[in-house]
N, C-alpha and C. Protein backbone atom coordinates (compact mmCIF):
# COMPACT_ATOMS: atom_id res chain seq x y z
N UNK A 1 -10.05 6.41 -9.87
CA UNK A 1 -11.02 5.73 -10.69
C UNK A 1 -11.58 6.74 -11.68
N UNK A 2 -11.84 6.29 -12.88
CA UNK A 2 -12.40 7.18 -13.89
C UNK A 2 -13.83 7.56 -13.53
N UNK A 3 -14.21 8.75 -13.96
CA UNK A 3 -15.58 9.20 -13.73
C UNK A 3 -16.57 8.22 -14.36
N UNK A 4 -17.74 8.14 -13.77
CA UNK A 4 -18.81 7.26 -14.24
C UNK A 4 -18.46 5.78 -14.13
N UNK A 5 -17.39 5.45 -13.42
CA UNK A 5 -17.03 4.05 -13.21
C UNK A 5 -17.30 3.70 -11.75
N UNK A 6 -17.53 2.43 -11.52
CA UNK A 6 -17.76 1.95 -10.16
C UNK A 6 -16.84 0.76 -9.90
N UNK A 7 -16.28 0.71 -8.72
CA UNK A 7 -15.43 -0.42 -8.37
C UNK A 7 -16.22 -1.72 -8.41
N UNK A 8 -17.54 -1.61 -8.20
CA UNK A 8 -18.41 -2.79 -8.26
C UNK A 8 -18.47 -3.42 -9.65
N UNK A 9 -18.05 -2.67 -10.66
CA UNK A 9 -17.98 -3.23 -12.01
C UNK A 9 -16.80 -4.19 -12.16
N UNK A 10 -15.86 -4.14 -11.21
CA UNK A 10 -14.63 -4.93 -11.32
C UNK A 10 -14.42 -5.90 -10.16
N UNK A 11 -14.92 -5.54 -8.98
CA UNK A 11 -14.69 -6.37 -7.80
C UNK A 11 -15.99 -6.59 -7.03
N UNK A 12 -16.11 -7.79 -6.47
CA UNK A 12 -17.25 -8.14 -5.63
C UNK A 12 -16.84 -7.96 -4.17
N UNK A 13 -17.78 -7.83 -3.25
CA UNK A 13 -17.42 -7.74 -1.83
C UNK A 13 -16.52 -8.91 -1.42
N UNK A 14 -15.57 -8.63 -0.55
CA UNK A 14 -14.62 -9.66 -0.12
C UNK A 14 -15.29 -10.87 0.49
N UNK A 15 -16.37 -10.67 1.22
CA UNK A 15 -17.09 -11.79 1.84
C UNK A 15 -17.69 -12.73 0.80
N UNK A 16 -18.04 -12.20 -0.35
CA UNK A 16 -18.62 -13.01 -1.43
C UNK A 16 -17.57 -13.67 -2.30
N UNK A 17 -16.44 -13.01 -2.46
CA UNK A 17 -15.43 -13.50 -3.40
C UNK A 17 -14.04 -13.31 -2.80
N UNK A 18 -13.52 -14.33 -2.13
CA UNK A 18 -12.23 -14.20 -1.43
C UNK A 18 -11.00 -14.19 -2.34
N UNK A 19 -11.16 -14.49 -3.61
CA UNK A 19 -10.06 -14.43 -4.57
C UNK A 19 -10.61 -13.87 -5.87
N UNK A 20 -10.08 -12.71 -6.27
CA UNK A 20 -10.56 -12.08 -7.49
C UNK A 20 -9.44 -11.25 -8.12
N UNK A 21 -9.67 -10.86 -9.34
CA UNK A 21 -8.64 -10.12 -10.05
C UNK A 21 -9.27 -9.12 -11.02
N UNK A 22 -8.43 -8.23 -11.52
CA UNK A 22 -8.88 -7.30 -12.56
C UNK A 22 -7.70 -6.91 -13.43
N UNK A 23 -7.99 -6.47 -14.62
CA UNK A 23 -7.03 -5.88 -15.54
C UNK A 23 -7.79 -4.77 -16.25
N UNK A 24 -7.44 -3.52 -15.93
CA UNK A 24 -8.17 -2.39 -16.48
C UNK A 24 -7.34 -1.11 -16.35
N UNK A 25 -7.72 -0.09 -17.09
CA UNK A 25 -7.12 1.22 -16.91
C UNK A 25 -8.07 2.15 -16.13
N UNK A 26 -9.12 1.58 -15.60
CA UNK A 26 -10.14 2.36 -14.88
C UNK A 26 -9.82 2.49 -13.40
N UNK A 27 -9.42 1.40 -12.75
CA UNK A 27 -9.15 1.41 -11.31
C UNK A 27 -7.73 1.88 -11.02
N UNK A 28 -7.58 2.54 -9.90
CA UNK A 28 -6.28 2.89 -9.35
C UNK A 28 -6.10 2.08 -8.07
N UNK A 29 -4.87 1.75 -7.72
CA UNK A 29 -4.64 0.94 -6.54
C UNK A 29 -5.16 1.63 -5.27
N UNK A 30 -5.14 2.95 -5.23
CA UNK A 30 -5.70 3.67 -4.07
C UNK A 30 -7.20 3.43 -3.94
N UNK A 31 -7.90 3.29 -5.07
CA UNK A 31 -9.33 2.97 -5.04
C UNK A 31 -9.55 1.63 -4.36
N UNK A 32 -8.70 0.67 -4.67
CA UNK A 32 -8.85 -0.68 -4.13
C UNK A 32 -8.52 -0.68 -2.63
N UNK A 33 -7.49 0.03 -2.23
CA UNK A 33 -7.16 0.13 -0.80
C UNK A 33 -8.34 0.71 -0.03
N UNK A 34 -8.89 1.78 -0.52
CA UNK A 34 -10.03 2.41 0.16
C UNK A 34 -11.23 1.46 0.23
N UNK A 35 -11.48 0.76 -0.85
CA UNK A 35 -12.58 -0.21 -0.93
C UNK A 35 -12.39 -1.32 0.10
N UNK A 36 -11.16 -1.83 0.24
CA UNK A 36 -10.88 -2.88 1.23
C UNK A 36 -11.12 -2.34 2.64
N UNK A 37 -10.61 -1.16 2.92
CA UNK A 37 -10.76 -0.58 4.26
C UNK A 37 -12.22 -0.37 4.64
N UNK A 38 -13.05 -0.03 3.67
CA UNK A 38 -14.48 0.12 3.94
C UNK A 38 -15.09 -1.20 4.42
N UNK A 39 -14.51 -2.32 4.00
CA UNK A 39 -15.05 -3.63 4.36
C UNK A 39 -14.44 -4.22 5.63
N UNK A 40 -13.17 -3.90 5.91
CA UNK A 40 -12.51 -4.53 7.06
C UNK A 40 -12.39 -3.62 8.26
N UNK A 41 -12.63 -2.33 8.11
CA UNK A 41 -12.49 -1.39 9.22
C UNK A 41 -11.06 -0.90 9.37
N UNK A 42 -10.81 -0.22 10.46
CA UNK A 42 -9.49 0.36 10.72
C UNK A 42 -8.43 -0.72 10.67
N UNK A 43 -7.28 -0.40 10.02
CA UNK A 43 -6.31 -1.44 9.74
C UNK A 43 -4.88 -0.91 9.75
N UNK A 44 -3.96 -1.85 9.80
CA UNK A 44 -2.55 -1.59 9.57
C UNK A 44 -2.26 -1.99 8.13
N UNK A 45 -1.41 -1.20 7.46
CA UNK A 45 -1.10 -1.45 6.05
C UNK A 45 0.41 -1.60 5.88
N UNK A 46 0.80 -2.58 5.08
CA UNK A 46 2.17 -2.75 4.60
C UNK A 46 2.10 -2.61 3.09
N UNK A 47 3.00 -1.79 2.52
CA UNK A 47 2.98 -1.56 1.08
C UNK A 47 4.40 -1.68 0.53
N UNK A 48 4.52 -2.24 -0.66
CA UNK A 48 5.79 -2.21 -1.37
C UNK A 48 5.54 -1.66 -2.75
N UNK A 49 6.55 -0.96 -3.26
CA UNK A 49 6.44 -0.41 -4.60
C UNK A 49 7.83 0.01 -5.05
N UNK A 50 8.00 0.15 -6.33
CA UNK A 50 9.24 0.72 -6.83
C UNK A 50 9.32 2.18 -6.43
N UNK A 51 8.19 2.89 -6.59
CA UNK A 51 8.16 4.32 -6.25
C UNK A 51 6.76 4.72 -5.79
N UNK A 52 6.66 5.95 -5.32
CA UNK A 52 5.40 6.49 -4.84
C UNK A 52 5.26 7.91 -5.39
N UNK A 53 4.03 8.32 -5.63
CA UNK A 53 3.80 9.66 -6.17
C UNK A 53 3.09 10.54 -5.15
N UNK A 54 3.18 11.85 -5.37
CA UNK A 54 2.48 12.79 -4.50
C UNK A 54 0.97 12.56 -4.55
N UNK A 55 0.45 12.25 -5.73
CA UNK A 55 -0.99 12.02 -5.84
C UNK A 55 -1.44 10.83 -5.00
N UNK A 56 -0.67 9.74 -5.02
CA UNK A 56 -1.01 8.59 -4.20
C UNK A 56 -0.91 8.95 -2.72
N UNK A 57 0.13 9.70 -2.35
CA UNK A 57 0.27 10.13 -0.95
C UNK A 57 -0.92 10.97 -0.50
N UNK A 58 -1.42 11.83 -1.37
CA UNK A 58 -2.60 12.63 -1.02
C UNK A 58 -3.79 11.73 -0.71
N UNK A 59 -4.00 10.71 -1.55
CA UNK A 59 -5.09 9.77 -1.29
C UNK A 59 -4.90 9.08 0.06
N UNK A 60 -3.67 8.63 0.34
CA UNK A 60 -3.40 8.00 1.63
C UNK A 60 -3.60 8.96 2.79
N UNK A 61 -3.23 10.22 2.60
CA UNK A 61 -3.41 11.24 3.63
C UNK A 61 -4.88 11.33 4.02
N UNK A 62 -5.75 11.40 3.03
CA UNK A 62 -7.18 11.53 3.32
C UNK A 62 -7.77 10.24 3.87
N UNK A 63 -7.27 9.11 3.41
CA UNK A 63 -7.71 7.82 3.96
C UNK A 63 -7.32 7.74 5.44
N UNK A 64 -6.09 8.10 5.74
CA UNK A 64 -5.62 8.06 7.12
C UNK A 64 -6.36 9.09 7.98
N UNK A 65 -6.57 10.27 7.43
CA UNK A 65 -7.26 11.33 8.16
C UNK A 65 -8.69 10.92 8.52
N UNK A 66 -9.29 10.07 7.71
CA UNK A 66 -10.66 9.61 7.98
C UNK A 66 -10.71 8.59 9.12
N UNK A 67 -9.54 8.18 9.61
CA UNK A 67 -9.49 7.25 10.73
C UNK A 67 -9.48 5.79 10.33
N UNK A 68 -9.30 5.50 9.05
CA UNK A 68 -9.35 4.12 8.58
C UNK A 68 -8.03 3.36 8.72
N UNK A 69 -6.94 4.10 9.04
CA UNK A 69 -5.62 3.47 9.09
C UNK A 69 -4.96 3.76 10.42
N UNK A 70 -4.35 2.74 11.01
CA UNK A 70 -3.60 2.89 12.24
C UNK A 70 -2.14 3.21 11.93
N UNK A 71 -1.47 2.33 11.21
CA UNK A 71 -0.06 2.47 10.88
C UNK A 71 0.16 2.04 9.44
N UNK A 72 1.09 2.73 8.78
CA UNK A 72 1.48 2.35 7.41
C UNK A 72 2.97 2.08 7.39
N UNK A 73 3.34 0.95 6.81
CA UNK A 73 4.73 0.58 6.58
C UNK A 73 4.94 0.59 5.07
N UNK A 74 6.04 1.16 4.61
CA UNK A 74 6.28 1.31 3.17
C UNK A 74 7.70 0.89 2.83
N UNK A 75 7.82 0.06 1.80
CA UNK A 75 9.13 -0.32 1.26
C UNK A 75 9.19 0.18 -0.18
N UNK A 76 10.20 1.01 -0.47
CA UNK A 76 10.43 1.52 -1.81
C UNK A 76 11.80 1.08 -2.29
N UNK A 77 12.06 1.24 -3.57
CA UNK A 77 13.33 0.83 -4.16
C UNK A 77 14.40 1.90 -3.97
N UNK A 78 15.65 1.45 -3.78
CA UNK A 78 16.78 2.37 -3.68
C UNK A 78 16.87 3.30 -4.90
N UNK A 79 16.54 2.76 -6.07
CA UNK A 79 16.68 3.54 -7.30
C UNK A 79 15.71 4.72 -7.37
N UNK A 80 14.70 4.71 -6.54
CA UNK A 80 13.74 5.82 -6.50
C UNK A 80 14.03 6.80 -5.36
N UNK A 81 15.24 6.73 -4.81
CA UNK A 81 15.58 7.53 -3.63
C UNK A 81 15.42 9.02 -3.87
N UNK A 82 15.87 9.54 -5.00
CA UNK A 82 15.77 10.98 -5.25
C UNK A 82 14.32 11.45 -5.22
N UNK A 83 13.45 10.69 -5.87
CA UNK A 83 12.03 11.03 -5.87
C UNK A 83 11.47 10.93 -4.45
N UNK A 84 11.86 9.90 -3.73
CA UNK A 84 11.39 9.71 -2.36
C UNK A 84 11.82 10.88 -1.48
N UNK A 85 13.06 11.32 -1.62
CA UNK A 85 13.55 12.43 -0.80
C UNK A 85 12.82 13.73 -1.11
N UNK A 86 12.44 13.94 -2.36
CA UNK A 86 11.66 15.15 -2.71
C UNK A 86 10.30 15.14 -2.03
N UNK A 87 9.75 13.96 -1.84
CA UNK A 87 8.43 13.83 -1.19
C UNK A 87 8.54 13.69 0.32
N UNK A 88 9.76 13.68 0.86
CA UNK A 88 9.97 13.34 2.26
C UNK A 88 9.11 14.13 3.25
N UNK A 89 9.02 15.47 3.15
CA UNK A 89 8.20 16.19 4.14
C UNK A 89 6.75 15.71 4.18
N UNK A 90 6.18 15.43 3.01
CA UNK A 90 4.80 14.95 2.95
C UNK A 90 4.73 13.49 3.36
N UNK A 91 5.68 12.71 2.91
CA UNK A 91 5.73 11.28 3.20
C UNK A 91 5.71 11.04 4.71
N UNK A 92 6.49 11.82 5.46
CA UNK A 92 6.57 11.60 6.91
C UNK A 92 5.29 11.98 7.63
N UNK A 93 4.47 12.81 7.02
CA UNK A 93 3.18 13.18 7.62
C UNK A 93 2.15 12.07 7.44
N UNK A 94 2.37 11.20 6.46
CA UNK A 94 1.38 10.17 6.13
C UNK A 94 1.82 8.77 6.55
N UNK A 95 3.10 8.46 6.36
CA UNK A 95 3.59 7.10 6.57
C UNK A 95 4.58 7.08 7.71
N UNK A 96 4.33 6.21 8.70
CA UNK A 96 5.19 6.14 9.88
C UNK A 96 6.54 5.49 9.62
N UNK A 97 6.55 4.42 8.86
CA UNK A 97 7.77 3.63 8.68
C UNK A 97 8.06 3.47 7.18
N UNK A 98 9.16 4.07 6.72
CA UNK A 98 9.55 3.96 5.32
C UNK A 98 10.92 3.32 5.24
N UNK A 99 11.05 2.36 4.33
CA UNK A 99 12.30 1.63 4.15
C UNK A 99 12.69 1.66 2.68
N UNK A 100 14.01 1.68 2.43
CA UNK A 100 14.52 1.55 1.07
C UNK A 100 15.22 0.20 0.96
N UNK A 101 14.95 -0.50 -0.13
CA UNK A 101 15.53 -1.83 -0.35
C UNK A 101 15.60 -2.07 -1.86
N UNK A 102 16.24 -3.15 -2.24
CA UNK A 102 16.19 -3.57 -3.64
C UNK A 102 14.79 -4.15 -3.84
N UNK A 103 13.90 -3.37 -4.39
CA UNK A 103 12.50 -3.77 -4.43
C UNK A 103 11.83 -3.36 -5.74
N UNK A 104 11.20 -4.30 -6.35
CA UNK A 104 10.36 -3.99 -7.50
C UNK A 104 8.95 -4.54 -7.32
N UNK A 105 8.70 -5.15 -6.16
CA UNK A 105 7.38 -5.74 -5.90
C UNK A 105 6.35 -4.65 -5.67
N UNK A 106 5.10 -5.00 -5.91
CA UNK A 106 3.97 -4.12 -5.66
C UNK A 106 2.93 -4.94 -4.90
N UNK A 107 3.07 -4.93 -3.59
CA UNK A 107 2.22 -5.73 -2.72
C UNK A 107 1.63 -4.80 -1.66
N UNK A 108 0.37 -4.98 -1.36
CA UNK A 108 -0.28 -4.25 -0.28
C UNK A 108 -0.94 -5.28 0.63
N UNK A 109 -0.60 -5.22 1.91
CA UNK A 109 -1.19 -6.10 2.91
C UNK A 109 -1.99 -5.23 3.87
N UNK A 110 -3.20 -5.67 4.17
CA UNK A 110 -4.08 -4.94 5.07
C UNK A 110 -4.59 -5.90 6.12
N UNK A 111 -4.38 -5.52 7.41
CA UNK A 111 -4.87 -6.35 8.51
C UNK A 111 -5.76 -5.49 9.40
N UNK A 112 -7.01 -5.90 9.54
CA UNK A 112 -7.98 -5.20 10.36
C UNK A 112 -7.57 -5.24 11.82
N UNK A 113 -7.65 -4.11 12.48
CA UNK A 113 -7.35 -4.06 13.92
C UNK A 113 -8.49 -4.66 14.74
N UNK A 114 -9.71 -4.53 14.24
CA UNK A 114 -10.88 -4.98 14.99
C UNK A 114 -11.12 -6.48 14.87
N UNK A 115 -10.95 -7.03 13.68
CA UNK A 115 -11.31 -8.43 13.46
C UNK A 115 -10.12 -9.31 13.07
N UNK A 116 -8.96 -8.70 12.83
CA UNK A 116 -7.76 -9.41 12.36
C UNK A 116 -7.94 -10.00 10.96
N UNK A 117 -9.02 -9.61 10.26
CA UNK A 117 -9.18 -10.04 8.87
C UNK A 117 -8.01 -9.52 8.05
N UNK A 118 -7.57 -10.30 7.09
CA UNK A 118 -6.43 -9.91 6.27
C UNK A 118 -6.80 -9.91 4.80
N UNK A 119 -6.18 -8.98 4.08
CA UNK A 119 -6.37 -8.88 2.63
C UNK A 119 -5.00 -8.63 2.01
N UNK A 120 -4.73 -9.33 0.93
CA UNK A 120 -3.50 -9.13 0.16
C UNK A 120 -3.87 -8.64 -1.22
N UNK A 121 -3.18 -7.62 -1.68
CA UNK A 121 -3.36 -7.09 -3.03
C UNK A 121 -2.00 -7.18 -3.72
N UNK A 122 -1.94 -7.93 -4.79
CA UNK A 122 -0.73 -8.07 -5.57
C UNK A 122 -1.03 -7.40 -6.90
N UNK A 123 -0.28 -6.35 -7.22
CA UNK A 123 -0.64 -5.53 -8.36
C UNK A 123 0.56 -5.21 -9.24
N UNK A 124 0.29 -4.83 -10.45
CA UNK A 124 1.35 -4.38 -11.34
C UNK A 124 1.62 -2.89 -11.18
N UNK A 125 0.72 -2.18 -10.52
CA UNK A 125 0.81 -0.73 -10.43
C UNK A 125 1.70 -0.28 -9.27
N UNK A 126 2.61 0.66 -9.56
CA UNK A 126 3.34 1.33 -8.50
C UNK A 126 2.35 2.15 -7.69
N UNK A 127 2.81 2.71 -6.59
CA UNK A 127 1.95 3.57 -5.77
C UNK A 127 1.92 4.96 -6.40
N UNK A 128 1.39 4.97 -7.59
CA UNK A 128 1.32 6.19 -8.39
C UNK A 128 -0.04 6.21 -9.09
N UNK A 129 -0.29 7.29 -9.78
CA UNK A 129 -1.50 7.36 -10.59
C UNK A 129 -1.09 7.23 -12.04
N UNK A 130 -1.73 6.35 -12.73
CA UNK A 130 -1.44 6.18 -14.14
C UNK A 130 -2.71 5.89 -14.88
N UNK A 131 -2.67 6.03 -16.15
CA UNK A 131 -3.83 5.72 -16.97
C UNK A 131 -3.57 4.52 -17.85
N UNK A 132 -2.70 3.66 -17.40
CA UNK A 132 -2.37 2.45 -18.14
C UNK A 132 -3.22 1.30 -17.63
N UNK A 133 -3.27 0.27 -18.43
CA UNK A 133 -3.89 -0.96 -17.94
C UNK A 133 -3.01 -1.54 -16.85
N UNK A 134 -3.61 -1.83 -15.72
CA UNK A 134 -2.91 -2.42 -14.59
C UNK A 134 -3.71 -3.64 -14.14
N UNK A 135 -2.99 -4.59 -13.57
CA UNK A 135 -3.64 -5.81 -13.11
C UNK A 135 -3.44 -5.95 -11.60
N UNK A 136 -4.33 -6.72 -11.01
CA UNK A 136 -4.20 -7.02 -9.58
C UNK A 136 -4.96 -8.28 -9.23
N UNK A 137 -4.48 -8.92 -8.19
CA UNK A 137 -5.18 -10.02 -7.56
C UNK A 137 -5.48 -9.57 -6.14
N UNK A 138 -6.69 -9.76 -5.70
CA UNK A 138 -7.12 -9.39 -4.35
C UNK A 138 -7.60 -10.67 -3.69
N UNK A 139 -7.03 -10.98 -2.50
CA UNK A 139 -7.41 -12.21 -1.83
C UNK A 139 -7.46 -12.04 -0.31
N UNK A 140 -8.33 -12.79 0.30
CA UNK A 140 -8.42 -12.83 1.76
C UNK A 140 -7.78 -14.11 2.32
N UNK A 141 -7.08 -14.84 1.48
CA UNK A 141 -6.44 -16.08 1.91
C UNK A 141 -5.38 -15.78 2.97
N UNK A 142 -5.55 -16.33 4.16
CA UNK A 142 -4.65 -16.06 5.29
C UNK A 142 -3.24 -16.57 5.05
N UNK A 143 -3.10 -17.67 4.34
CA UNK A 143 -1.76 -18.23 4.07
C UNK A 143 -0.97 -17.31 3.14
N UNK A 144 -1.64 -16.73 2.15
CA UNK A 144 -0.97 -15.80 1.25
C UNK A 144 -0.52 -14.56 2.03
N UNK A 145 -1.41 -14.02 2.87
CA UNK A 145 -1.05 -12.88 3.69
C UNK A 145 0.16 -13.22 4.56
N UNK A 146 0.14 -14.36 5.23
CA UNK A 146 1.22 -14.76 6.13
C UNK A 146 2.55 -14.89 5.40
N UNK A 147 2.52 -15.46 4.20
CA UNK A 147 3.74 -15.61 3.41
C UNK A 147 4.33 -14.25 3.05
N UNK A 148 3.49 -13.36 2.53
CA UNK A 148 3.96 -12.02 2.17
C UNK A 148 4.40 -11.24 3.41
N UNK A 149 3.63 -11.34 4.49
CA UNK A 149 3.97 -10.59 5.71
C UNK A 149 5.34 -11.02 6.24
N UNK A 150 5.61 -12.32 6.24
CA UNK A 150 6.92 -12.81 6.70
C UNK A 150 8.04 -12.28 5.81
N UNK A 151 7.81 -12.26 4.51
CA UNK A 151 8.83 -11.75 3.59
C UNK A 151 9.07 -10.26 3.78
N UNK A 152 7.99 -9.50 3.94
CA UNK A 152 8.13 -8.05 4.14
C UNK A 152 8.82 -7.75 5.46
N UNK A 153 8.49 -8.49 6.49
CA UNK A 153 9.14 -8.30 7.79
C UNK A 153 10.63 -8.57 7.67
N UNK A 154 11.00 -9.62 6.96
CA UNK A 154 12.41 -9.94 6.74
C UNK A 154 13.11 -8.80 5.98
N UNK A 155 12.49 -8.30 4.94
CA UNK A 155 13.08 -7.19 4.19
C UNK A 155 13.28 -5.98 5.09
N UNK A 156 12.25 -5.62 5.86
CA UNK A 156 12.34 -4.43 6.72
C UNK A 156 13.42 -4.59 7.78
N UNK A 157 13.54 -5.78 8.37
CA UNK A 157 14.50 -5.99 9.46
C UNK A 157 15.91 -6.25 8.98
N UNK A 158 16.07 -6.94 7.84
CA UNK A 158 17.39 -7.45 7.47
C UNK A 158 17.94 -6.97 6.13
N UNK A 159 17.13 -6.36 5.30
CA UNK A 159 17.60 -6.05 3.95
C UNK A 159 17.23 -4.65 3.48
N UNK A 160 17.07 -3.73 4.41
CA UNK A 160 16.64 -2.39 4.01
C UNK A 160 17.33 -1.32 4.85
N UNK A 161 17.21 -0.12 4.36
CA UNK A 161 17.64 1.05 5.12
C UNK A 161 16.36 1.69 5.66
N UNK A 162 16.24 1.78 6.98
CA UNK A 162 15.02 2.36 7.57
C UNK A 162 15.07 3.89 7.47
N UNK A 163 14.62 4.40 6.37
CA UNK A 163 14.72 5.83 6.07
C UNK A 163 14.07 6.69 7.14
N UNK A 164 12.92 6.28 7.64
CA UNK A 164 12.24 7.08 8.65
C UNK A 164 13.07 7.18 9.92
N UNK A 165 13.72 6.11 10.33
CA UNK A 165 14.56 6.12 11.53
C UNK A 165 15.82 6.95 11.34
N UNK A 166 16.43 6.86 10.17
CA UNK A 166 17.63 7.65 9.90
C UNK A 166 17.34 9.14 9.93
N UNK A 167 16.23 9.54 9.34
CA UNK A 167 15.87 10.95 9.36
C UNK A 167 15.51 11.42 10.76
N UNK A 168 14.85 10.59 11.54
CA UNK A 168 14.50 10.95 12.91
C UNK A 168 15.77 11.17 13.74
N UNK A 169 16.77 10.30 13.55
CA UNK A 169 18.05 10.45 14.26
C UNK A 169 18.75 11.74 13.85
N UNK A 170 18.74 12.02 12.57
CA UNK A 170 19.41 13.22 12.04
C UNK A 170 18.74 14.48 12.60
N UNK A 171 17.43 14.49 12.67
CA UNK A 171 16.70 15.64 13.20
C UNK A 171 17.00 15.82 14.68
N UNK A 172 17.10 14.70 15.43
CA UNK A 172 17.39 14.75 16.85
C UNK A 172 18.79 15.30 17.13
N UNK A 173 19.72 15.05 16.22
CA UNK A 173 21.09 15.54 16.38
C UNK A 173 21.11 17.03 16.18
């Protein structure tokens, strides 16, 4: 988020506004993830993106280190494999399950461990830091979460290469 900016200028608390959106170059998707976690408590996260950056991983590292995240599942695109492999040592310290698939979606699903509250973030931004205008829809609608969760589960189980498992097997050998 840009200095002197507040997420409250763009988003209302989830309890007050279960469906909202923004289009700005001020917010970063990591800001929104952290904001959601502050409201729902410790959670499991599913994320999809074309690619991921070291800067975004650093933000996730500190979010996870603070105890706000239980497990992270990540789906990235095959075409970003070289970049993903360069980040692999850091990626494995932050994200438990990483998959490669034909993917251009940018979806983040968050499910609270304590209350089972769900939040879906559908965004134009990759899991990177940029200074471009990016858009997002943030919703607590359970049906939207369920639809995306079913699709992501299908991709992870049937249409992806489980990169984290392949590397774990290779290391064990």
